Amino acid sequence: MNSKTKKEKRLYPRRPIRTQVVFENEDSEGVLYFFSTDISAGGLFLESDIPVKLGTQVFLRFSLTPKARPIQATGEVVRVMRDQNEAGQGKVGIGIRFVYIHPLDRELIQDFINQAGS
């Protein structure tokens, strides 16, 4: 495959962010806590020790900075990557696409991403 046929699939620019994300999936009776690795106006990527199925609907709550108010969103698991060591253990990466996020919260995320470039 040459470089002309290999296209970037991302619709939104991303910014690295390490923040705790409160995660509740549609099948869970409780909440889980993950850490994000990056964010865009369209979703975020999480580190996990627990695999999550593609297509799972999730409820998320996180803050962009320690003093910022929490952002709430619903999302869908659209990507799962496994990073295993020689013992077969390791982290799981979970790509979440926002299904619903308040427009003002999406704007806050976009402003946060734009600040990285300035």
Protein backbone atom coordinates (compact mmCIF):
# COMPACT_ATOMS: atom_id res chain seq x y z
CA MET A 1 0.00 0.00 0.00
CA ASN A 2 1.49 3.35 -0.94
CA SER A 3 1.19 6.54 1.07
CA LYS A 4 -1.51 7.93 -1.23
CA THR A 5 -3.93 5.13 -0.33
CA LYS A 6 -3.17 5.29 3.38
CA LYS A 7 -5.34 8.09 4.76
CA GLU A 8 -5.78 9.46 8.24
CA LYS A 9 -9.24 8.44 9.46
CA ARG A 10 -9.49 10.96 12.29
CA LEU A 11 -11.96 13.77 11.76
CA TYR A 12 -10.76 15.90 14.68
CA PRO A 13 -7.32 17.00 15.89
CA ARG A 14 -6.23 15.39 19.16
CA ARG A 15 -4.38 16.60 22.22
CA PRO A 16 -2.66 14.43 24.80
CA ILE A 17 -4.39 14.53 28.18
CA ARG A 18 -3.94 12.37 31.25
CA THR A 19 -7.06 12.72 33.33
CA GLN A 20 -9.20 10.32 35.31
CA VAL A 21 -12.38 9.29 33.52
CA VAL A 22 -15.39 7.90 35.37
CA PHE A 23 -16.70 5.20 33.05
CA GLU A 24 -19.98 3.34 33.28
CA ASN A 25 -21.05 0.96 30.54
CA GLU A 26 -24.57 -0.12 29.69
CA ASP A 27 -24.07 -3.56 31.30
CA SER A 28 -22.32 -2.43 34.48
CA GLU A 29 -23.81 -2.21 37.92
CA GLY A 30 -21.07 0.16 39.04
CA VAL A 31 -18.54 2.63 37.79
CA LEU A 32 -14.98 2.07 36.62
CA TYR A 33 -12.11 4.53 36.63
CA PHE A 34 -9.73 4.80 33.68
CA PHE A 35 -7.14 7.33 32.56
CA SER A 36 -7.30 9.08 29.22
CA THR A 37 -4.32 9.37 26.89
CA ASP A 38 -5.75 11.87 24.40
CA ILE A 39 -8.90 13.74 23.50
CA SER A 40 -10.60 15.35 20.51
CA ALA A 41 -13.94 17.08 20.00
CA GLY A 42 -15.18 13.73 18.69
CA GLY A 43 -14.02 11.41 21.47
CA LEU A 44 -11.23 10.22 23.70
CA PHE A 45 -8.82 7.33 24.12
CA LEU A 46 -8.51 5.48 27.42
CA GLU A 47 -6.01 3.12 29.02
CA SER A 48 -7.57 0.12 30.70
CA ASP A 49 -6.72 -3.16 32.37
CA ILE A 50 -10.18 -4.41 31.45
CA PRO A 51 -11.23 -5.20 27.88
CA VAL A 52 -14.49 -3.66 26.70
CA LYS A 53 -16.48 -4.89 23.71
CA LEU A 54 -16.75 -2.88 20.52
CA GLY A 55 -20.10 -1.15 20.23
CA THR A 56 -20.60 -0.88 24.00
CA GLN A 57 -22.51 2.26 24.97
CA VAL A 58 -20.83 4.16 27.80
CA PHE A 59 -21.43 7.10 30.11
CA LEU A 60 -18.38 9.25 30.86
CA ARG A 61 -17.44 12.01 33.28
CA PHE A 62 -14.07 13.77 33.28
CA SER A 63 -12.41 17.17 33.68
CA LEU A 64 -9.99 18.82 31.28
CA THR A 65 -7.98 20.37 34.12
CA PRO A 66 -7.96 19.72 37.88
CA LYS A 67 -10.05 22.84 38.64
CA ALA A 68 -12.43 22.61 35.67
CA ARG A 69 -16.02 21.50 36.09
CA PRO A 70 -16.72 17.91 35.01
CA ILE A 71 -17.82 17.17 31.46
CA GLN A 72 -20.41 14.45 30.95
CA ALA A 73 -20.91 12.57 27.71
CA THR A 74 -22.32 9.38 26.31
CA GLY A 75 -20.19 7.45 23.89
CA GLU A 76 -19.61 4.24 22.01
CA VAL A 77 -16.55 2.00 22.05
CA VAL A 78 -15.26 2.15 18.47
CA ARG A 79 -11.73 0.80 18.90
CA VAL A 80 -10.01 -1.70 21.21
CA MET A 81 -6.26 -2.24 21.08
CA ARG A 82 -4.27 -4.69 23.15
CA ASP A 83 -0.66 -4.00 24.13
CA GLN A 84 0.58 -7.29 25.57
CA ASN A 85 3.94 -8.09 27.09
CA GLU A 86 5.70 -11.47 26.76
CA ALA A 87 3.55 -12.92 29.55
CA GLY A 88 0.38 -12.07 27.61
CA GLN A 89 -0.59 -9.33 30.05
CA GLY A 90 -0.79 -5.65 29.39
CA LYS A 91 -2.88 -2.59 28.84
CA VAL A 92 -5.93 -2.27 26.66
CA GLY A 93 -6.57 0.93 24.74
CA ILE A 94 -10.20 1.93 24.25
CA GLY A 95 -11.28 4.46 21.64
CA ILE A 96 -14.55 6.20 22.51
CA ARG A 97 -16.60 8.22 20.03
CA PHE A 98 -18.88 10.77 21.66
CA VAL A 99 -22.49 9.96 20.78
CA TYR A 100 -23.85 12.87 22.78
CA ILE A 101 -22.00 15.70 24.45
CA HIS A 102 -23.46 19.09 25.22
CA PRO A 103 -22.40 21.62 22.55
CA LEU A 104 -20.81 23.89 25.19
CA ASP A 105 -18.74 20.96 26.48
CA ARG A 106 -17.62 20.11 22.95
CA GLU A 107 -16.61 23.75 22.58
CA LEU A 108 -14.61 23.56 25.84
CA ILE A 109 -12.77 20.53 24.48
CA GLN A 110 -12.08 22.28 21.19
CA ASP A 111 -10.72 25.33 23.05
CA PHE A 112 -8.52 23.02 25.15
CA ILE A 113 -7.11 21.42 21.99
CA ASN A 114 -6.57 24.80 20.32
CA GLN A 115 -4.61 26.03 23.37
CA ALA A 116 -2.02 23.33 22.71
CA GLY A 117 -1.18 24.98 19.39
CA SER A 118 -0.69 28.45 20.81
